[in-house]
Amino acid sequence: MKKFSGRVQDIGHDAENVAFLHCLIESSKDPLGKIFYWYDKNKNEVDIVMSYQSKLVPIEVKYRNSIGMKDLKGLVNFCKNYGIQSAFVVTKSMLEEKYVDDVKITFIPLWLFLLAY
């Protein structure tokens, strides 16, 4: 996809921004809601962590259809470190659930994520 300026647009970055703004709006509905990101000393990260209704909800945005174990490393590490049993990966079109190291990961298309949460 090209902008009028002729530069190639990074759709993955745009998808992450859309998911972040959606989470920001949702977290604002909870008086104690917060939104942040997480990373560790090994540069593993989670794009969005939402504190909502006294729970941490980790969300990784990977706007593509092929997602490997390497893409899930930060998400799984975060869940293990904080005792969280489930997380989300926002995708282009994948819709499924998988368990990785006892963490239930829900892969959900961006359009459905925006409607469902």
PDB file of N, CA and C in Angstrom:
ATOM      1  N   MET A   1       0.850  -1.159   0.000  1.00  0.00           N
ATOM      2  CA  MET A   1       0.000   0.000   0.000  1.00  0.00           C
ATOM      3  C   MET A   1       0.900   1.226   0.000  1.00  0.00           C
ATOM      4  N   LYS A   2       0.546   2.234  -0.776  1.00  0.00           N
ATOM      5  CA  LYS A   2       1.373   3.438  -0.843  1.00  0.00           C
ATOM      6  C   LYS A   2       0.568   4.638  -0.375  1.00  0.00           C
ATOM      7  N   LYS A   3       1.271   5.528   0.305  1.00  0.00           N
ATOM      8  CA  LYS A   3       0.674   6.808   0.660  1.00  0.00           C
ATOM      9  C   LYS A   3       0.787   7.725  -0.551  1.00  0.00           C
ATOM     10  N   PHE A   4       0.124   8.832  -0.499  1.00  0.00           N
ATOM     11  CA  PHE A   4       0.224   9.800  -1.584  1.00  0.00           C
ATOM     12  C   PHE A   4       1.644  10.331  -1.735  1.00  0.00           C
ATOM     13  N   SER A   5       2.412  10.302  -0.660  1.00  0.00           N
ATOM     14  CA  SER A   5       3.794  10.781  -0.724  1.00  0.00           C
ATOM     15  C   SER A   5       4.687   9.802  -1.474  1.00  0.00           C
ATOM     16  N   GLY A   6       4.192   8.595  -1.759  1.00  0.00           N
ATOM     17  CA  GLY A   6       4.965   7.605  -2.482  1.00  0.00           C
ATOM     18  C   GLY A   6       5.688   6.620  -1.580  1.00  0.00           C
ATOM     19  N   ARG A   7       5.675   6.839  -0.264  1.00  0.00           N
ATOM     20  CA  ARG A   7       6.341   5.918   0.663  1.00  0.00           C
ATOM     21  C   ARG A   7       5.452   4.713   0.934  1.00  0.00           C
ATOM     22  N   VAL A   8       6.090   3.580   1.153  1.00  0.00           N
ATOM     23  CA  VAL A   8       5.340   2.369   1.491  1.00  0.00           C
ATOM     24  C   VAL A   8       4.887   2.467   2.946  1.00  0.00           C
ATOM     25  N   GLN A   9       3.652   2.179   3.175  1.00  0.00           N
ATOM     26  CA  GLN A   9       3.068   2.264   4.510  1.00  0.00           C
ATOM     27  C   GLN A   9       3.255   0.934   5.239  1.00  0.00           C
ATOM     28  N   ASP A  10       3.611   1.007   6.495  1.00  0.00           N
ATOM     29  CA  ASP A  10       3.783  -0.195   7.314  1.00  0.00           C
ATOM     30  C   ASP A  10       2.440  -0.562   7.937  1.00  0.00           C
ATOM     31  N   ILE A  11       1.736  -1.490   7.328  1.00  0.00           N
ATOM     32  CA  ILE A  11       0.400  -1.865   7.790  1.00  0.00           C
ATOM     33  C   ILE A  11       0.459  -2.511   9.173  1.00  0.00           C
ATOM     34  N   GLY A  12       1.513  -3.271   9.454  1.00  0.00           N
ATOM     35  CA  GLY A  12       1.656  -3.881  10.772  1.00  0.00           C
ATOM     36  C   GLY A  12       1.726  -2.839  11.873  1.00  0.00           C
ATOM     37  N   HIS A  13       2.458  -1.773  11.628  1.00  0.00           N
ATOM     38  CA  HIS A  13       2.559  -0.680  12.607  1.00  0.00           C
ATOM     39  C   HIS A  13       1.204  -0.012  12.791  1.00  0.00           C
ATOM     40  N   ASP A  14       0.492   0.196  11.688  1.00  0.00           N
ATOM     41  CA  ASP A  14      -0.844   0.792  11.767  1.00  0.00           C
ATOM     42  C   ASP A  14      -1.804  -0.105  12.549  1.00  0.00           C
ATOM     43  N   ALA A  15      -1.730  -1.409  12.324  1.00  0.00           N
ATOM     44  CA  ALA A  15      -2.591  -2.350  13.051  1.00  0.00           C
ATOM     45  C   ALA A  15      -2.305  -2.293  14.544  1.00  0.00           C
ATOM     46  N   GLU A  16      -1.027  -2.189  14.906  1.00  0.00           N
ATOM     47  CA  GLU A  16      -0.666  -2.082  16.320  1.00  0.00           C
ATOM     48  C   GLU A  16      -1.230  -0.800  16.928  1.00  0.00           C
ATOM     49  N   ASN A  17      -1.161   0.304  16.189  1.00  0.00           N
ATOM     50  CA  ASN A  17      -1.717   1.568  16.678  1.00  0.00           C
ATOM     51  C   ASN A  17      -3.226   1.492  16.853  1.00  0.00           C
ATOM     52  N   VAL A  18      -3.916   0.868  15.905  1.00  0.00           N
ATOM     53  CA  VAL A  18      -5.372   0.727  16.004  1.00  0.00           C
ATOM     54  C   VAL A  18      -5.738  -0.118  17.223  1.00  0.00           C
ATOM     55  N   ALA A  19      -5.043  -1.233  17.421  1.00  0.00           N
ATOM     56  CA  ALA A  19      -5.308  -2.093  18.583  1.00  0.00           C
ATOM     57  C   ALA A  19      -5.024  -1.346  19.880  1.00  0.00           C
ATOM     58  N   PHE A  20      -3.927  -0.588  19.908  1.00  0.00           N
ATOM     59  CA  PHE A  20      -3.584   0.185  21.101  1.00  0.00           C
ATOM     60  C   PHE A  20      -4.672   1.215  21.417  1.00  0.00           C
ATOM     61  N   LEU A  21      -5.108   1.965  20.414  1.00  0.00           N
ATOM     62  CA  LEU A  21      -6.141   2.977  20.645  1.00  0.00           C
ATOM     63  C   LEU A  21      -7.443   2.340  21.116  1.00  0.00           C
ATOM     64  N   HIS A  22      -7.777   1.190  20.565  1.00  0.00           N
ATOM     65  CA  HIS A  22      -8.975   0.471  21.009  1.00  0.00           C
ATOM     66  C   HIS A  22      -8.847   0.075  22.488  1.00  0.00           C
ATOM     67  N   CYS A  23      -7.692  -0.449  22.865  1.00  0.00           N
ATOM     68  CA  CYS A  23      -7.463  -0.840  24.264  1.00  0.00           C
ATOM     69  C   CYS A  23      -7.471   0.377  25.183  1.00  0.00           C
ATOM     70  N   LEU A  24      -6.939   1.478  24.702  1.00  0.00           N
ATOM     71  CA  LEU A  24      -6.938   2.712  25.493  1.00  0.00           C
ATOM     72  C   LEU A  24      -8.368   3.157  25.792  1.00  0.00           C
ATOM     73  N   ILE A  25      -9.218   3.097  24.794  1.00  0.00           N
ATOM     74  CA  ILE A  25     -10.628   3.458  24.982  1.00  0.00           C
ATOM     75  C   ILE A  25     -11.302   2.490  25.950  1.00  0.00           C
ATOM     76  N   GLU A  26     -11.077   1.190  25.760  1.00  0.00           N
ATOM     77  CA  GLU A  26     -11.690   0.190  26.639  1.00  0.00           C
ATOM     78  C   GLU A  26     -11.200   0.325  28.077  1.00  0.00           C
ATOM     79  N   SER A  27      -9.911   0.552  28.263  1.00  0.00           N
ATOM     80  CA  SER A  27      -9.375   0.658  29.626  1.00  0.00           C
ATOM     81  C   SER A  27      -9.876   1.917  30.320  1.00  0.00           C
ATOM     82  N   SER A  28     -10.231   2.944  29.556  1.00  0.00           N
ATOM     83  CA  SER A  28     -10.737   4.176  30.170  1.00  0.00           C
ATOM     84  C   SER A  28     -12.126   3.982  30.772  1.00  0.00           C
ATOM     85  N   LYS A  29     -12.806   2.895  30.424  1.00  0.00           N
ATOM     86  CA  LYS A  29     -14.125   2.596  30.991  1.00  0.00           C
ATOM     87  C   LYS A  29     -14.027   2.059  32.414  1.00  0.00           C
ATOM     88  N   ASP A  30     -12.843   1.638  32.805  1.00  0.00           N
ATOM     89  CA  ASP A  30     -12.583   1.123  34.152  1.00  0.00           C
ATOM     90  C   ASP A  30     -11.829   2.204  34.923  1.00  0.00           C
ATOM     91  N   PRO A  31     -12.381   2.687  36.054  1.00  0.00           N
ATOM     92  CA  PRO A  31     -11.702   3.747  36.804  1.00  0.00           C
ATOM     93  C   PRO A  31     -10.269   3.389  37.204  1.00  0.00           C
ATOM     94  N   LEU A  32      -9.983   2.114  37.364  1.00  0.00           N
ATOM     95  CA  LEU A  32      -8.638   1.685  37.732  1.00  0.00           C
ATOM     96  C   LEU A  32      -7.869   1.125  36.531  1.00  0.00           C
ATOM     97  N   GLY A  33      -8.450   1.221  35.351  1.00  0.00           N
ATOM     98  CA  GLY A  33      -7.831   0.667  34.153  1.00  0.00           C
ATOM     99  C   GLY A  33      -6.581   1.426  33.744  1.00  0.00           C
ATOM    100  N   LYS A  34      -5.598   0.693  33.285  1.00  0.00           N
ATOM    101  CA  LYS A  34      -4.350   1.272  32.794  1.00  0.00           C
ATOM    102  C   LYS A  34      -3.916   0.494  31.562  1.00  0.00           C
ATOM    103  N   ILE A  35      -3.050   1.116  30.793  1.00  0.00           N
ATOM    104  CA  ILE A  35      -2.509   0.440  29.622  1.00  0.00           C
ATOM    105  C   ILE A  35      -1.019   0.756  29.538  1.00  0.00           C
ATOM    106  N   PHE A  36      -0.237  -0.270  29.250  1.00  0.00           N
ATOM    107  CA  PHE A  36       1.207  -0.089  29.161  1.00  0.00           C
ATOM    108  C   PHE A  36       1.790  -1.193  28.297  1.00  0.00           C
ATOM    109  N   TYR A  37       3.088  -1.202  28.133  1.00  0.00           N
ATOM    110  CA  TYR A  37       3.760  -2.290  27.422  1.00  0.00           C
ATOM    111  C   TYR A  37       4.800  -2.882  28.352  1.00  0.00           C
ATOM    112  N   TRP A  38       5.364  -4.015  27.957  1.00  0.00           N
ATOM    113  CA  TRP A  38       6.318  -4.713  28.819  1.00  0.00           C
ATOM    114  C   TRP A  38       7.486  -5.204  27.986  1.00  0.00           C
ATOM    115  N   TYR A  39       8.666  -5.151  28.586  1.00  0.00           N
ATOM    116  CA  TYR A  39       9.845  -5.766  27.983  1.00  0.00           C
ATOM    117  C   TYR A  39      10.767  -6.225  29.096  1.00  0.00           C
ATOM    118  N   ASP A  40      11.647  -7.186  28.757  1.00  0.00           N
ATOM    119  CA  ASP A  40      12.596  -7.676  29.752  1.00  0.00           C
ATOM    120  C   ASP A  40      14.024  -7.385  29.302  1.00  0.00           C
ATOM    121  N   LYS A  41      14.976  -7.797  30.107  1.00  0.00           N
ATOM    122  CA  LYS A  41      16.382  -7.498  29.821  1.00  0.00           C
ATOM    123  C   LYS A  41      16.883  -8.187  28.553  1.00  0.00           C
ATOM    124  N   ASN A  42      16.180  -9.230  28.102  1.00  0.00           N
ATOM    125  CA  ASN A  42      16.556  -9.936  26.873  1.00  0.00           C
ATOM    126  C   ASN A  42      15.857  -9.379  25.634  1.00  0.00           C
ATOM    127  N   LYS A  43      15.200  -8.246  25.802  1.00  0.00           N
ATOM    128  CA  LYS A  43      14.495  -7.546  24.720  1.00  0.00           C
ATOM    129  C   LYS A  43      13.259  -8.296  24.218  1.00  0.00           C
ATOM    130  N   ASN A  44      12.723  -9.192  25.044  1.00  0.00           N
ATOM    131  CA  ASN A  44      11.410  -9.767  24.754  1.00  0.00           C
ATOM    132  C   ASN A  44      10.386  -8.719  25.145  1.00  0.00           C
ATOM    133  N   GLU A  45       9.285  -8.650  24.417  1.00  0.00           N
ATOM    134  CA  GLU A  45       8.303  -7.612  24.717  1.00  0.00           C
ATOM    135  C   GLU A  45       6.878  -8.095  24.500  1.00  0.00           C
ATOM    136  N   VAL A  46       5.962  -7.330  25.081  1.00  0.00           N
ATOM    137  CA  VAL A  46       4.538  -7.484  24.825  1.00  0.00           C
ATOM    138  C   VAL A  46       4.051  -6.105  24.398  1.00  0.00           C
ATOM    139  N   ASP A  47       3.382  -6.032  23.252  1.00  0.00           N
ATOM    140  CA  ASP A  47       2.977  -4.750  22.685  1.00  0.00           C
ATOM    141  C   ASP A  47       2.036  -3.968  23.589  1.00  0.00           C
ATOM    142  N   ILE A  48       1.045  -4.652  24.150  1.00  0.00           N
ATOM    143  CA  ILE A  48       0.019  -3.987  24.960  1.00  0.00           C
ATOM    144  C   ILE A  48      -0.275  -4.856  26.171  1.00  0.00           C
ATOM    145  N   VAL A  49      -0.266  -4.247  27.342  1.00  0.00           N
ATOM    146  CA  VAL A  49      -0.742  -4.920  28.552  1.00  0.00           C
ATOM    147  C   VAL A  49      -1.808  -4.009  29.135  1.00  0.00           C
ATOM    148  N   MET A  50      -2.998  -4.541  29.241  1.00  0.00           N
ATOM    149  CA  MET A  50      -4.114  -3.767  29.741  1.00  0.00           C
ATOM    150  C   MET A  50      -4.457  -4.250  31.144  1.00  0.00           C
ATOM    151  N   SER A  51      -4.531  -3.323  32.068  1.00  0.00           N
ATOM    152  CA  SER A  51      -5.032  -3.627  33.401  1.00  0.00           C
ATOM    153  C   SER A  51      -6.510  -3.261  33.374  1.00  0.00           C
ATOM    154  N   TYR A  52      -7.352  -4.284  33.432  1.00  0.00           N
ATOM    155  CA  TYR A  52      -8.781  -4.067  33.263  1.00  0.00           C
ATOM    156  C   TYR A  52      -9.536  -4.978  34.218  1.00  0.00           C
ATOM    157  N   GLN A  53     -10.412  -4.389  35.012  1.00  0.00           N
ATOM    158  CA  GLN A  53     -11.194  -5.117  36.008  1.00  0.00           C
ATOM    159  C   GLN A  53     -10.286  -5.973  36.888  1.00  0.00           C
ATOM    160  N   SER A  54      -9.212  -5.366  37.350  1.00  0.00           N
ATOM    161  CA  SER A  54      -8.238  -5.980  38.268  1.00  0.00           C
ATOM    162  C   SER A  54      -7.488  -7.166  37.661  1.00  0.00           C
ATOM    163  N   LYS A  55      -7.464  -7.278  36.347  1.00  0.00           N
ATOM    164  CA  LYS A  55      -6.727  -8.353  35.678  1.00  0.00           C
ATOM    165  C   LYS A  55      -5.764  -7.753  34.660  1.00  0.00           C
ATOM    166  N   LEU A  56      -4.636  -8.434  34.471  1.00  0.00           N
ATOM    167  CA  LEU A  56      -3.711  -8.048  33.413  1.00  0.00           C
ATOM    168  C   LEU A  56      -4.051  -8.836  32.156  1.00  0.00           C
ATOM    169  N   VAL A  57      -4.198  -8.124  31.051  1.00  0.00           N
ATOM    170  CA  VAL A  57      -4.533  -8.747  29.774  1.00  0.00           C
ATOM    171  C   VAL A  57      -3.399  -8.443  28.791  1.00  0.00           C
ATOM    172  N   PRO A  58      -2.524  -9.422  28.518  1.00  0.00           N
ATOM    173  CA  PRO A  58      -1.433  -9.196  27.568  1.00  0.00           C
ATOM    174  C   PRO A  58      -1.894  -9.417  26.123  1.00  0.00           C
ATOM    175  N   ILE A  59      -1.480  -8.485  25.254  1.00  0.00           N
ATOM    176  CA  ILE A  59      -1.904  -8.519  23.857  1.00  0.00           C
ATOM    177  C   ILE A  59      -0.692  -8.246  22.968  1.00  0.00           C
ATOM    178  N   GLU A  60      -0.431  -9.146  22.059  1.00  0.00           N
ATOM    179  CA  GLU A  60       0.637  -8.976  21.069  1.00  0.00           C
ATOM    180  C   GLU A  60      -0.031  -8.784  19.715  1.00  0.00           C
ATOM    181  N   VAL A  61       0.446  -7.828  18.934  1.00  0.00           N
ATOM    182  CA  VAL A  61      -0.128  -7.568  17.617  1.00  0.00           C
ATOM    183  C   VAL A  61       0.852  -8.052  16.553  1.00  0.00           C
ATOM    184  N   LYS A  62       0.416  -9.014  15.763  1.00  0.00           N
ATOM    185  CA  LYS A  62       1.198  -9.568  14.648  1.00  0.00           C
ATOM    186  C   LYS A  62       0.270  -9.599  13.439  1.00  0.00           C
ATOM    187  N   TYR A  63       0.242  -8.521  12.690  1.00  0.00           N
ATOM    188  CA  TYR A  63      -0.710  -8.411  11.581  1.00  0.00           C
ATOM    189  C   TYR A  63      -0.211  -9.194  10.368  1.00  0.00           C
ATOM    190  N   ARG A  64      -0.270 -10.498  10.523  1.00  0.00           N
ATOM    191  CA  ARG A  64       0.065 -11.438   9.452  1.00  0.00           C
ATOM    192  C   ARG A  64      -0.599 -12.765   9.799  1.00  0.00           C
ATOM    193  N   ASN A  65      -0.481 -13.728   8.905  1.00  0.00           N
ATOM    194  CA  ASN A  65      -1.145 -15.011   9.113  1.00  0.00           C
ATOM    195  C   ASN A  65      -0.209 -16.114   9.568  1.00  0.00           C
ATOM    196  N   SER A  66       1.072 -15.919   9.428  1.00  0.00           N
ATOM    197  CA  SER A  66       2.047 -16.921   9.846  1.00  0.00           C
ATOM    198  C   SER A  66       2.770 -16.414  11.092  1.00  0.00           C
ATOM    199  N   ILE A  67       2.530 -17.081  12.209  1.00  0.00           N
ATOM    200  CA  ILE A  67       3.107 -16.648  13.477  1.00  0.00           C
ATOM    201  C   ILE A  67       3.840 -17.826  14.088  1.00  0.00           C
ATOM    202  N   GLY A  68       5.130 -17.639  14.333  1.00  0.00           N
ATOM    203  CA  GLY A  68       5.961 -18.711  14.862  1.00  0.00           C
ATOM    204  C   GLY A  68       6.181 -18.602  16.360  1.00  0.00           C
ATOM    205  N   MET A  69       6.828 -19.599  16.906  1.00  0.00           N
ATOM    206  CA  MET A  69       7.112 -19.628  18.347  1.00  0.00           C
ATOM    207  C   MET A  69       7.968 -18.440  18.774  1.00  0.00           C
ATOM    208  N   LYS A  70       8.882 -18.027  17.929  1.00  0.00           N
ATOM    209  CA  LYS A  70       9.732 -16.876  18.250  1.00  0.00           C
ATOM    210  C   LYS A  70       8.885 -15.619  18.473  1.00  0.00           C
ATOM    211  N   ASP A  71       7.801 -15.482  17.710  1.00  0.00           N
ATOM    212  CA  ASP A  71       6.910 -14.331  17.844  1.00  0.00           C
ATOM    213  C   ASP A  71       6.167 -14.323  19.175  1.00  0.00           C
ATOM    214  N   LEU A  72       6.058 -15.482  19.815  1.00  0.00           N
ATOM    215  CA  LEU A  72       5.281 -15.611  21.052  1.00  0.00           C
ATOM    216  C   LEU A  72       6.147 -15.587  22.309  1.00  0.00           C
ATOM    217  N   LYS A  73       7.452 -15.530  22.149  1.00  0.00           N
ATOM    218  CA  LYS A  73       8.371 -15.665  23.278  1.00  0.00           C
ATOM    219  C   LYS A  73       8.116 -14.620  24.370  1.00  0.00           C
ATOM    220  N   GLY A  74       8.014 -13.359  24.000  1.00  0.00           N
ATOM    221  CA  GLY A  74       7.770 -12.308  24.987  1.00  0.00           C
ATOM    222  C   GLY A  74       6.438 -12.474  25.686  1.00  0.00           C
ATOM    223  N   LEU A  75       5.425 -12.819  24.921  1.00  0.00           N
ATOM    224  CA  LEU A  75       4.083 -13.007  25.469  1.00  0.00           C
ATOM    225  C   LEU A  75       4.062 -14.136  26.494  1.00  0.00           C
ATOM    226  N   VAL A  76       4.670 -15.256  26.143  1.00  0.00           N
ATOM    227  CA  VAL A  76       4.709 -16.407  27.049  1.00  0.00           C
ATOM    228  C   VAL A  76       5.559 -16.092  28.280  1.00  0.00           C
ATOM    229  N   ASN A  77       6.696 -15.437  28.099  1.00  0.00           N
ATOM    230  CA  ASN A  77       7.539 -15.062  29.247  1.00  0.00           C
ATOM    231  C   ASN A  77       6.796 -14.144  30.208  1.00  0.00           C
ATOM    232  N   PHE A  78       6.082 -13.168  29.667  1.00  0.00           N
ATOM    233  CA  PHE A  78       5.303 -12.258  30.508  1.00  0.00           C
ATOM    234  C   PHE A  78       4.277 -13.044  31.319  1.00  0.00           C
ATOM    235  N   CYS A  79       3.545 -13.921  30.649  1.00  0.00           N
ATOM    236  CA  CYS A  79       2.507 -14.702  31.331  1.00  0.00           C
ATOM    237  C   CYS A  79       3.101 -15.572  32.435  1.00  0.00           C
ATOM    238  N   LYS A  80       4.229 -16.206  32.165  1.00  0.00           N
ATOM    239  CA  LYS A  80       4.869 -17.049  33.179  1.00  0.00           C
ATOM    240  C   LYS A  80       5.362 -16.211  34.360  1.00  0.00           C
ATOM    241  N   ASN A  81       5.947 -15.053  34.079  1.00  0.00           N
ATOM    242  CA  ASN A  81       6.474 -14.186  35.146  1.00  0.00           C
ATOM    243  C   ASN A  81       5.382 -13.635  36.053  1.00  0.00           C
ATOM    244  N   TYR A  82       4.199 -13.396  35.501  1.00  0.00           N
ATOM    245  CA  TYR A  82       3.127 -12.769  36.273  1.00  0.00           C
ATOM    246  C   TYR A  82       1.966 -13.711  36.578  1.00  0.00           C
ATOM    247  N   GLY A  83       2.133 -14.996  36.315  1.00  0.00           N
ATOM    248  CA  GLY A  83       1.106 -15.977  36.652  1.00  0.00           C
ATOM    249  C   GLY A  83      -0.187 -15.805  35.871  1.00  0.00           C
ATOM    250  N   ILE A  84      -0.076 -15.386  34.636  1.00  0.00           N
ATOM    251  CA  ILE A  84      -1.253 -15.173  33.790  1.00  0.00           C
ATOM    252  C   ILE A  84      -1.459 -16.413  32.923  1.00  0.00           C
ATOM    253  N   GLN A  85      -2.696 -16.850  32.824  1.00  0.00           N
ATOM    254  CA  GLN A  85      -2.983 -18.105  32.129  1.00  0.00           C
ATOM    255  C   GLN A  85      -3.435 -17.939  30.686  1.00  0.00           C
ATOM    256  N   SER A  86      -3.778 -16.705  30.280  1.00  0.00           N
ATOM    257  CA  SER A  86      -4.239 -16.524  28.902  1.00  0.00           C
ATOM    258  C   SER A  86      -3.785 -15.179  28.348  1.00  0.00           C
ATOM    259  N   ALA A  87      -3.660 -15.140  27.021  1.00  0.00           N
ATOM    260  CA  ALA A  87      -3.192 -13.940  26.336  1.00  0.00           C
ATOM    261  C   ALA A  87      -3.801 -13.907  24.938  1.00  0.00           C
ATOM    262  N   PHE A  88      -3.639 -12.766  24.271  1.00  0.00           N
ATOM    263  CA  PHE A  88      -4.172 -12.584  22.924  1.00  0.00           C
ATOM    264  C   PHE A  88      -3.065 -12.232  21.948  1.00  0.00           C
ATOM    265  N   VAL A  89      -3.224 -12.724  20.722  1.00  0.00           N
ATOM    266  CA  VAL A  89      -2.400 -12.280  19.601  1.00  0.00           C
ATOM    267  C   VAL A  89      -3.371 -11.777  18.535  1.00  0.00           C
ATOM    268  N   VAL A  90      -3.272 -10.494  18.223  1.00  0.00           N
ATOM    269  CA  VAL A  90      -4.113  -9.895  17.193  1.00  0.00           C
ATOM    270  C   VAL A  90      -3.433 -10.137  15.845  1.00  0.00           C
ATOM    271  N   THR A  91      -4.163 -10.737  14.912  1.00  0.00           N
ATOM    272  CA  THR A  91      -3.598 -11.181  13.637  1.00  0.00           C
ATOM    273  C   THR A  91      -4.331 -10.538  12.457  1.00  0.00           C
ATOM    274  N   LYS A  92      -3.900 -10.919  11.284  1.00  0.00           N
ATOM    275  CA  LYS A  92      -4.580 -10.461  10.071  1.00  0.00           C
ATOM    276  C   LYS A  92      -5.882 -11.235   9.865  1.00  0.00           C
ATOM    277  N   SER A  93      -5.827 -12.571   9.959  1.00  0.00           N
ATOM    278  CA  SER A  93      -7.060 -13.346   9.750  1.00  0.00           C
ATOM    279  C   SER A  93      -7.144 -14.636  10.565  1.00  0.00           C
ATOM    280  N   MET A  94      -6.107 -14.987  11.326  1.00  0.00           N
ATOM    281  CA  MET A  94      -6.140 -16.228  12.122  1.00  0.00           C
ATOM    282  C   MET A  94      -7.163 -16.136  13.243  1.00  0.00           C
ATOM    283  N   LEU A  95      -7.896 -17.213  13.436  1.00  0.00           N
ATOM    284  CA  LEU A  95      -8.823 -17.319  14.557  1.00  0.00           C
ATOM    285  C   LEU A  95      -8.700 -18.732  15.108  1.00  0.00           C
ATOM    286  N   GLU A  96      -7.988 -18.865  16.213  1.00  0.00           N
ATOM    287  CA  GLU A  96      -7.814 -20.173  16.854  1.00  0.00           C
ATOM    288  C   GLU A  96      -7.224 -19.985  18.245  1.00  0.00           C
ATOM    289  N   GLU A  97      -7.235 -21.061  19.006  1.00  0.00           N
ATOM    290  CA  GLU A  97      -6.604 -21.071  20.328  1.00  0.00           C
ATOM    291  C   GLU A  97      -5.537 -22.151  20.353  1.00  0.00           C
ATOM    292  N   LYS A  98      -4.430 -21.823  21.004  1.00  0.00           N
ATOM    293  CA  LYS A  98      -3.340 -22.783  21.185  1.00  0.00           C
ATOM    294  C   LYS A  98      -2.818 -22.640  22.602  1.00  0.00           C
ATOM    295  N   TYR A  99      -2.273 -23.720  23.109  1.00  0.00           N
ATOM    296  CA  TYR A  99      -1.584 -23.674  24.396  1.00  0.00           C
ATOM    297  C   TYR A  99      -0.087 -23.720  24.139  1.00  0.00           C
ATOM    298  N   VAL A 100       0.620 -22.776  24.736  1.00  0.00           N
ATOM    299  CA  VAL A 100       2.078 -22.730  24.665  1.00  0.00           C
ATOM    300  C   VAL A 100       2.585 -22.642  26.097  1.00  0.00           C
ATOM    301  N   ASP A 101       3.308 -23.652  26.543  1.00  0.00           N
ATOM    302  CA  ASP A 101       3.820 -23.701  27.926  1.00  0.00           C
ATOM    303  C   ASP A 101       2.723 -23.413  28.946  1.00  0.00           C
ATOM    304  N   ASP A 102       1.574 -24.050  28.794  1.00  0.00           N
ATOM    305  CA  ASP A 102       0.420 -23.908  29.696  1.00  0.00           C
ATOM    306  C   ASP A 102      -0.234 -22.525  29.663  1.00  0.00           C
ATOM    307  N   VAL A 103       0.066 -21.727  28.659  1.00  0.00           N
ATOM    308  CA  VAL A 103      -0.589 -20.428  28.480  1.00  0.00           C
ATOM    309  C   VAL A 103      -1.546 -20.558  27.296  1.00  0.00           C
ATOM    310  N   LYS A 104      -2.824 -20.241  27.530  1.00  0.00           N
ATOM    311  CA  LYS A 104      -3.804 -20.279  26.445  1.00  0.00           C
ATOM    312  C   LYS A 104      -3.675 -18.989  25.641  1.00  0.00           C
ATOM    313  N   ILE A 105      -3.323 -19.139  24.372  1.00  0.00           N
ATOM    314  CA  ILE A 105      -3.170 -17.979  23.504  1.00  0.00           C
ATOM    315  C   ILE A 105      -4.298 -17.993  22.483  1.00  0.00           C
ATOM    316  N   THR A 106      -5.053 -16.909  22.464  1.00  0.00           N
ATOM    317  CA  THR A 106      -6.139 -16.749  21.510  1.00  0.00           C
ATOM    318  C   THR A 106      -5.649 -15.874  20.370  1.00  0.00           C
ATOM    319  N   PHE A 107      -5.633 -16.441  19.173  1.00  0.00           N
ATOM    320  CA  PHE A 107      -5.286 -15.694  17.965  1.00  0.00           C
ATOM    321  C   PHE A 107      -6.596 -15.165  17.399  1.00  0.00           C
ATOM    322  N   ILE A 108      -6.664 -13.858  17.192  1.00  0.00           N
ATOM    323  CA  ILE A 108      -7.917 -13.242  16.777  1.00  0.00           C
ATOM    324  C   ILE A 108      -7.643 -12.178  15.712  1.00  0.00           C
ATOM    325  N   PRO A 109      -8.427 -12.174  14.626  1.00  0.00           N
ATOM    326  CA  PRO A 109      -8.233 -11.144  13.603  1.00  0.00           C
ATOM    327  C   PRO A 109      -8.513  -9.748  14.173  1.00  0.00           C
ATOM    328  N   LEU A 110      -7.808  -8.768  13.660  1.00  0.00           N
ATOM    329  CA  LEU A 110      -7.961  -7.396  14.152  1.00  0.00           C
ATOM    330  C   LEU A 110      -9.409  -6.934  14.100  1.00  0.00           C
ATOM    331  N   TRP A 111     -10.094  -7.193  12.997  1.00  0.00           N
ATOM    332  CA  TRP A 111     -11.468  -6.713  12.867  1.00  0.00           C
ATOM    333  C   TRP A 111     -12.366  -7.292  13.957  1.00  0.00           C
ATOM    334  N   LEU A 112     -12.157  -8.569  14.314  1.00  0.00           N
ATOM    335  CA  LEU A 112     -12.973  -9.200  15.345  1.00  0.00           C
ATOM    336  C   LEU A 112     -12.569  -8.706  16.732  1.00  0.00           C
ATOM    337  N   PHE A 113     -11.286  -8.490  16.943  1.00  0.00           N
ATOM    338  CA  PHE A 113     -10.798  -7.930  18.205  1.00  0.00           C
ATOM    339  C   PHE A 113     -11.467  -6.583  18.475  1.00  0.00           C
ATOM    340  N   LEU A 114     -11.595  -5.766  17.444  1.00  0.00           N
ATOM    341  CA  LEU A 114     -12.214  -4.445  17.604  1.00  0.00           C
ATOM    342  C   LEU A 114     -13.701  -4.552  17.920  1.00  0.00           C
ATOM    343  N   LEU A 115     -14.347  -5.596  17.446  1.00  0.00           N
ATOM    344  CA  LEU A 115     -15.773  -5.797  17.725  1.00  0.00           C
ATOM    345  C   LEU A 115     -16.018  -6.477  19.062  1.00  0.00           C
ATOM    346  N   ALA A 116     -15.124  -7.384  19.444  1.00  0.00           N
ATOM    347  CA  ALA A 116     -15.378  -8.259  20.587  1.00  0.00           C
ATOM    348  C   ALA A 116     -14.918  -7.693  21.918  1.00  0.00           C
ATOM    349  N   TYR A 117     -13.924  -6.850  21.927  1.00  0.00           N
ATOM    350  CA  TYR A 117     -13.358  -6.401  23.202  1.00  0.00           C
ATOM    351  C   TYR A 117     -13.406  -4.908  23.320  1.00  0.00           C
TER     352      TYR A 117
END
